[in-house]
PDB file of N, CA and C in Angstrom:
ATOM      1  N   MET A   1       2.465   4.505 -38.530  1.00  0.00           N
ATOM      2  CA  MET A   1       1.061   4.824 -38.359  1.00  0.00           C
ATOM      3  C   MET A   1       0.930   5.974 -37.354  1.00  0.00           C
ATOM      4  N   PRO A   2       0.519   7.125 -37.809  1.00  0.00           N
ATOM      5  CA  PRO A   2       0.452   8.308 -36.955  1.00  0.00           C
ATOM      6  C   PRO A   2      -0.457   8.152 -35.732  1.00  0.00           C
ATOM      7  N   TRP A   3      -1.497   7.361 -35.841  1.00  0.00           N
ATOM      8  CA  TRP A   3      -2.425   7.230 -34.709  1.00  0.00           C
ATOM      9  C   TRP A   3      -1.790   6.485 -33.544  1.00  0.00           C
ATOM     10  N   LEU A   4      -0.689   5.786 -33.759  1.00  0.00           N
ATOM     11  CA  LEU A   4       0.017   5.087 -32.679  1.00  0.00           C
ATOM     12  C   LEU A   4       0.997   5.985 -31.928  1.00  0.00           C
ATOM     13  N   THR A   5       1.333   7.115 -32.496  1.00  0.00           N
ATOM     14  CA  THR A   5       2.359   7.981 -31.920  1.00  0.00           C
ATOM     15  C   THR A   5       2.071   8.392 -30.472  1.00  0.00           C
ATOM     16  N   PRO A   6       0.879   8.854 -30.105  1.00  0.00           N
ATOM     17  CA  PRO A   6       0.656   9.245 -28.710  1.00  0.00           C
ATOM     18  C   PRO A   6       0.881   8.101 -27.717  1.00  0.00           C
ATOM     19  N   GLY A   7       0.406   6.919 -28.045  1.00  0.00           N
ATOM     20  CA  GLY A   7       0.606   5.771 -27.163  1.00  0.00           C
ATOM     21  C   GLY A   7       2.066   5.373 -27.060  1.00  0.00           C
ATOM     22  N   HIS A   8       2.758   5.411 -28.175  1.00  0.00           N
ATOM     23  CA  HIS A   8       4.182   5.073 -28.191  1.00  0.00           C
ATOM     24  C   HIS A   8       4.982   6.068 -27.354  1.00  0.00           C
ATOM     25  N   THR A   9       4.676   7.334 -27.484  1.00  0.00           N
ATOM     26  CA  THR A   9       5.362   8.376 -26.720  1.00  0.00           C
ATOM     27  C   THR A   9       5.114   8.202 -25.227  1.00  0.00           C
ATOM     28  N   ALA A  10       3.883   7.928 -24.854  1.00  0.00           N
ATOM     29  CA  ALA A  10       3.552   7.729 -23.435  1.00  0.00           C
ATOM     30  C   ALA A  10       4.271   6.505 -22.882  1.00  0.00           C
ATOM     31  N   ARG A  11       4.331   5.449 -23.644  1.00  0.00           N
ATOM     32  CA  ARG A  11       4.985   4.216 -23.178  1.00  0.00           C
ATOM     33  C   ARG A  11       6.487   4.410 -23.003  1.00  0.00           C
ATOM     34  N   GLN A  12       7.116   5.178 -23.864  1.00  0.00           N
ATOM     35  CA  GLN A  12       8.546   5.434 -23.736  1.00  0.00           C
ATOM     36  C   GLN A  12       8.863   6.243 -22.485  1.00  0.00           C
ATOM     37  N   ALA A  13       7.937   7.064 -22.047  1.00  0.00           N
ATOM     38  CA  ALA A  13       8.146   7.904 -20.864  1.00  0.00           C
ATOM     39  C   ALA A  13       7.779   7.178 -19.574  1.00  0.00           C
ATOM     40  N   TRP A  14       7.284   5.958 -19.654  1.00  0.00           N
ATOM     41  CA  TRP A  14       6.859   5.208 -18.465  1.00  0.00           C
ATOM     42  C   TRP A  14       7.905   4.179 -18.107  1.00  0.00           C
ATOM     43  N   PRO A  15       8.203   3.932 -16.891  1.00  0.00           N
ATOM     44  CA  PRO A  15       7.692   4.674 -15.742  1.00  0.00           C
ATOM     45  C   PRO A  15       8.465   5.973 -15.557  1.00  0.00           C
ATOM     46  N   PRO A  16       7.782   6.969 -15.013  1.00  0.00           N
ATOM     47  CA  PRO A  16       8.481   8.224 -14.739  1.00  0.00           C
ATOM     48  C   PRO A  16       9.499   8.017 -13.619  1.00  0.00           C
ATOM     49  N   VAL A  17      10.402   8.929 -13.486  1.00  0.00           N
ATOM     50  CA  VAL A  17      11.378   8.867 -12.403  1.00  0.00           C
ATOM     51  C   VAL A  17      10.627   9.052 -11.095  1.00  0.00           C
ATOM     52  N   PRO A  18      10.764   8.096 -10.161  1.00  0.00           N
ATOM     53  CA  PRO A  18      10.032   8.219  -8.899  1.00  0.00           C
ATOM     54  C   PRO A  18      10.476   9.436  -8.110  1.00  0.00           C
ATOM     55  N   GLY A  19       9.525  10.071  -7.499  1.00  0.00           N
ATOM     56  CA  GLY A  19       9.788  11.204  -6.623  1.00  0.00           C
ATOM     57  C   GLY A  19       9.486  10.810  -5.195  1.00  0.00           C
ATOM     58  N   GLU A  20       8.873  11.711  -4.485  1.00  0.00           N
ATOM     59  CA  GLU A  20       8.569  11.464  -3.083  1.00  0.00           C
ATOM     60  C   GLU A  20       7.394  10.507  -2.910  1.00  0.00           C
ATOM     61  N   THR A  21       7.381   9.814  -1.790  1.00  0.00           N
ATOM     62  CA  THR A  21       6.239   8.964  -1.450  1.00  0.00           C
ATOM     63  C   THR A  21       5.390   9.692  -0.413  1.00  0.00           C
ATOM     64  N   ALA A  22       4.130   9.343  -0.371  1.00  0.00           N
ATOM     65  CA  ALA A  22       3.215   9.977   0.568  1.00  0.00           C
ATOM     66  C   ALA A  22       2.087   9.023   0.903  1.00  0.00           C
ATOM     67  N   ASP A  23       1.574   9.131   2.110  1.00  0.00           N
ATOM     68  CA  ASP A  23       0.365   8.414   2.505  1.00  0.00           C
ATOM     69  C   ASP A  23      -0.804   9.337   2.201  1.00  0.00           C
ATOM     70  N   LEU A  24      -1.704   8.867   1.353  1.00  0.00           N
ATOM     71  CA  LEU A  24      -2.839   9.671   0.917  1.00  0.00           C
ATOM     72  C   LEU A  24      -4.143   8.977   1.255  1.00  0.00           C
ATOM     73  N   PRO A  25      -5.216   9.748   1.437  1.00  0.00           N
ATOM     74  CA  PRO A  25      -6.511   9.122   1.638  1.00  0.00           C
ATOM     75  C   PRO A  25      -6.942   8.383   0.374  1.00  0.00           C
ATOM     76  N   ALA A  26      -7.553   7.244   0.543  1.00  0.00           N
ATOM     77  CA  ALA A  26      -8.002   6.434  -0.598  1.00  0.00           C
ATOM     78  C   ALA A  26      -9.371   6.929  -1.068  1.00  0.00           C
ATOM     79  N   ARG A  27      -9.388   8.163  -1.560  1.00  0.00           N
ATOM     80  CA  ARG A  27     -10.615   8.771  -2.078  1.00  0.00           C
ATOM     81  C   ARG A  27     -10.462   8.963  -3.577  1.00  0.00           C
ATOM     82  N   ALA A  28     -11.555   8.856  -4.277  1.00  0.00           N
ATOM     83  CA  ALA A  28     -11.521   8.949  -5.736  1.00  0.00           C
ATOM     84  C   ALA A  28     -10.887  10.246  -6.214  1.00  0.00           C
ATOM     85  N   ASP A  29     -11.239  11.389  -5.630  1.00  0.00           N
ATOM     86  CA  ASP A  29     -10.697  12.665  -6.100  1.00  0.00           C
ATOM     87  C   ASP A  29      -9.186  12.735  -5.901  1.00  0.00           C
ATOM     88  N   VAL A  30      -8.689  12.212  -4.794  1.00  0.00           N
ATOM     89  CA  VAL A  30      -7.251  12.219  -4.515  1.00  0.00           C
ATOM     90  C   VAL A  30      -6.521  11.291  -5.483  1.00  0.00           C
ATOM     91  N   LEU A  31      -7.067  10.115  -5.706  1.00  0.00           N
ATOM     92  CA  LEU A  31      -6.429   9.151  -6.604  1.00  0.00           C
ATOM     93  C   LEU A  31      -6.457   9.625  -8.056  1.00  0.00           C
ATOM     94  N   LEU A  32      -7.510  10.300  -8.454  1.00  0.00           N
ATOM     95  CA  LEU A  32      -7.569  10.868  -9.806  1.00  0.00           C
ATOM     96  C   LEU A  32      -6.495  11.933  -9.991  1.00  0.00           C
ATOM     97  N   ARG A  33      -6.325  12.802  -8.994  1.00  0.00           N
ATOM     98  CA  ARG A  33      -5.264  13.822  -9.079  1.00  0.00           C
ATOM     99  C   ARG A  33      -3.895  13.170  -9.158  1.00  0.00           C
ATOM    100  N   LEU A  34      -3.684  12.135  -8.354  1.00  0.00           N
ATOM    101  CA  LEU A  34      -2.414  11.414  -8.379  1.00  0.00           C
ATOM    102  C   LEU A  34      -2.147  10.854  -9.777  1.00  0.00           C
ATOM    103  N   GLY A  35      -3.138  10.215 -10.367  1.00  0.00           N
ATOM    104  CA  GLY A  35      -2.979   9.653 -11.701  1.00  0.00           C
ATOM    105  C   GLY A  35      -2.745  10.705 -12.760  1.00  0.00           C
ATOM    106  N   ARG A  36      -3.390  11.841 -12.624  1.00  0.00           N
ATOM    107  CA  ARG A  36      -3.232  12.908 -13.621  1.00  0.00           C
ATOM    108  C   ARG A  36      -1.819  13.486 -13.641  1.00  0.00           C
ATOM    109  N   VAL A  37      -1.131  13.447 -12.504  1.00  0.00           N
ATOM    110  CA  VAL A  37       0.244  13.951 -12.478  1.00  0.00           C
ATOM    111  C   VAL A  37       1.250  12.845 -12.773  1.00  0.00           C
ATOM    112  N   GLY A  38       0.770  11.625 -13.036  1.00  0.00           N
ATOM    113  CA  GLY A  38       1.659  10.524 -13.385  1.00  0.00           C
ATOM    114  C   GLY A  38       2.113   9.688 -12.208  1.00  0.00           C
ATOM    115  N   GLY A  39       1.456   9.845 -11.058  1.00  0.00           N
ATOM    116  CA  GLY A  39       1.815   9.063  -9.879  1.00  0.00           C
ATOM    117  C   GLY A  39       1.168   7.693  -9.891  1.00  0.00           C
ATOM    118  N   TRP A  40       1.549   6.892  -8.907  1.00  0.00           N
ATOM    119  CA  TRP A  40       0.985   5.549  -8.812  1.00  0.00           C
ATOM    120  C   TRP A  40       0.896   5.114  -7.361  1.00  0.00           C
ATOM    121  N   VAL A  41       0.063   4.119  -7.111  1.00  0.00           N
ATOM    122  CA  VAL A  41      -0.146   3.560  -5.780  1.00  0.00           C
ATOM    123  C   VAL A  41       0.785   2.370  -5.606  1.00  0.00           C
ATOM    124  N   GLU A  42       1.520   2.371  -4.502  1.00  0.00           N
ATOM    125  CA  GLU A  42       2.401   1.242  -4.185  1.00  0.00           C
ATOM    126  C   GLU A  42       1.700   0.214  -3.313  1.00  0.00           C
ATOM    127  N   SER A  43       0.873   0.684  -2.389  1.00  0.00           N
ATOM    128  CA  SER A  43       0.191  -0.246  -1.491  1.00  0.00           C
ATOM    129  C   SER A  43      -1.049   0.417  -0.913  1.00  0.00           C
ATOM    130  N   VAL A  44      -1.927  -0.432  -0.418  1.00  0.00           N
ATOM    131  CA  VAL A  44      -3.162   0.019   0.227  1.00  0.00           C
ATOM    132  C   VAL A  44      -3.112  -0.451   1.672  1.00  0.00           C
ATOM    133  N   ALA A  45      -3.463   0.436   2.601  1.00  0.00           N
ATOM    134  CA  ALA A  45      -3.467   0.085   4.018  1.00  0.00           C
ATOM    135  C   ALA A  45      -4.482  -1.023   4.274  1.00  0.00           C
ATOM    136  N   ASN A  46      -4.243  -1.795   5.309  1.00  0.00           N
ATOM    137  CA  ASN A  46      -5.148  -2.901   5.649  1.00  0.00           C
ATOM    138  C   ASN A  46      -6.580  -2.447   5.863  1.00  0.00           C
ATOM    139  N   ASP A  47      -6.765  -1.241   6.389  1.00  0.00           N
ATOM    140  CA  ASP A  47      -8.125  -0.746   6.617  1.00  0.00           C
ATOM    141  C   ASP A  47      -8.763  -0.169   5.359  1.00  0.00           C
ATOM    142  N   GLY A  48      -7.974  -0.038   4.256  1.00  0.00           N
ATOM    143  CA  GLY A  48      -8.493   0.466   2.994  1.00  0.00           C
ATOM    144  C   GLY A  48      -8.737   1.958   2.957  1.00  0.00           C
ATOM    145  N   LYS A  49      -8.323   2.673   3.993  1.00  0.00           N
ATOM    146  CA  LYS A  49      -8.608   4.102   4.057  1.00  0.00           C
ATOM    147  C   LYS A  49      -7.479   4.976   3.523  1.00  0.00           C
ATOM    148  N   THR A  50      -6.284   4.446   3.437  1.00  0.00           N
ATOM    149  CA  THR A  50      -5.156   5.204   2.913  1.00  0.00           C
ATOM    150  C   THR A  50      -4.355   4.345   1.948  1.00  0.00           C
ATOM    151  N   VAL A  51      -3.586   5.035   1.117  1.00  0.00           N
ATOM    152  CA  VAL A  51      -2.685   4.368   0.177  1.00  0.00           C
ATOM    153  C   VAL A  51      -1.306   4.974   0.322  1.00  0.00           C
ATOM    154  N   ARG A  52      -0.292   4.182   0.018  1.00  0.00           N
ATOM    155  CA  ARG A  52       1.083   4.670  -0.069  1.00  0.00           C
ATOM    156  C   ARG A  52       1.303   4.940  -1.542  1.00  0.00           C
ATOM    157  N   ALA A  53       1.563   6.202  -1.880  1.00  0.00           N
ATOM    158  CA  ALA A  53       1.647   6.609  -3.272  1.00  0.00           C
ATOM    159  C   ALA A  53       2.993   7.234  -3.586  1.00  0.00           C
ATOM    160  N   VAL A  54       3.362   7.182  -4.859  1.00  0.00           N
ATOM    161  CA  VAL A  54       4.598   7.770  -5.348  1.00  0.00           C
ATOM    162  C   VAL A  54       4.229   8.830  -6.391  1.00  0.00           C
ATOM    163  N   ARG A  55       4.785  10.009  -6.191  1.00  0.00           N
ATOM    164  CA  ARG A  55       4.614  11.065  -7.179  1.00  0.00           C
ATOM    165  C   ARG A  55       5.856  11.075  -8.079  1.00  0.00           C
ATOM    166  N   PRO A  56       5.702  11.432  -9.344  1.00  0.00           N
ATOM    167  CA  PRO A  56       6.885  11.482 -10.202  1.00  0.00           C
ATOM    168  C   PRO A  56       7.793  12.642  -9.786  1.00  0.00           C
ATOM    169  N   ALA A  57       9.085  12.507 -10.080  1.00  0.00           N
ATOM    170  CA  ALA A  57      10.049  13.559  -9.734  1.00  0.00           C
ATOM    171  C   ALA A  57       9.857  14.771 -10.611  1.00  0.00           C
TER     172      ALA A  57
END
Protein backbone atom coordinates (compact mmCIF):
# COMPACT_ATOMS: atom_id res chain seq x y z
CA MET A 1 0.00 0.00 0.00
CA PRO A 2 1.78 3.14 -1.22
CA TRP A 3 0.14 5.43 1.35
CA LEU A 4 1.96 3.53 4.14
CA THR A 5 5.41 4.10 2.65
CA PRO A 6 6.18 7.48 4.32
CA GLY A 7 5.27 6.18 7.78
CA HIS A 8 7.19 2.96 7.26
CA THR A 9 10.28 4.87 6.11
CA ALA A 10 10.13 7.21 9.10
CA ARG A 11 9.73 4.32 11.53
CA GLN A 12 12.74 2.47 10.10
CA ALA A 13 14.89 5.57 10.64
CA TRP A 14 13.79 5.93 14.29
CA PRO A 15 15.44 6.37 16.63
CA PRO A 16 18.12 8.45 14.99
CA VAL A 17 21.70 8.07 16.14
CA PRO A 18 22.00 10.22 19.27
CA GLY A 19 24.23 13.24 19.01
CA GLU A 20 25.06 15.87 21.56
CA THR A 21 22.91 16.66 24.57
CA ALA A 22 22.01 20.18 25.59
CA ASP A 23 20.02 22.02 28.24
CA LEU A 24 17.43 24.08 26.41
CA PRO A 25 14.72 26.48 27.53
CA ALA A 26 11.32 24.78 27.72
CA ARG A 27 9.72 27.16 25.22
CA ALA A 28 7.42 26.11 22.42
CA ASP A 29 9.57 27.62 19.65
CA VAL A 30 12.72 25.88 20.92
CA LEU A 31 10.98 22.52 21.34
CA LEU A 32 9.41 22.76 17.88
CA ARG A 33 12.85 23.38 16.33
CA LEU A 34 14.24 20.43 18.28
CA GLY A 35 11.47 18.17 16.99
CA ARG A 36 11.88 19.36 13.42
CA VAL A 37 15.52 18.27 13.38
CA GLY A 38 14.61 14.88 14.88
CA GLY A 39 15.69 15.58 18.46
CA TRP A 40 13.95 14.53 21.63
CA VAL A 41 13.59 15.52 25.28
CA GLU A 42 15.20 13.24 27.86
CA SER A 43 14.09 15.07 30.99
CA VAL A 44 12.46 18.21 32.29
CA ALA A 45 14.01 20.25 35.10
CA ASN A 46 12.13 20.34 38.40
CA ASP A 47 11.30 24.01 37.87
CA GLY A 48 9.89 23.25 34.38
CA LYS A 49 11.95 25.99 32.78
CA THR A 50 14.55 23.87 30.99
CA VAL A 51 14.78 20.47 29.35
CA ARG A 52 17.67 18.10 28.75
CA ALA A 53 17.50 17.36 25.04
CA VAL A 54 19.31 15.16 22.54
CA ARG A 55 19.98 16.24 18.99
CA PRO A 56 20.50 13.58 16.32
CA ALA A 57 24.07 13.00 15.11
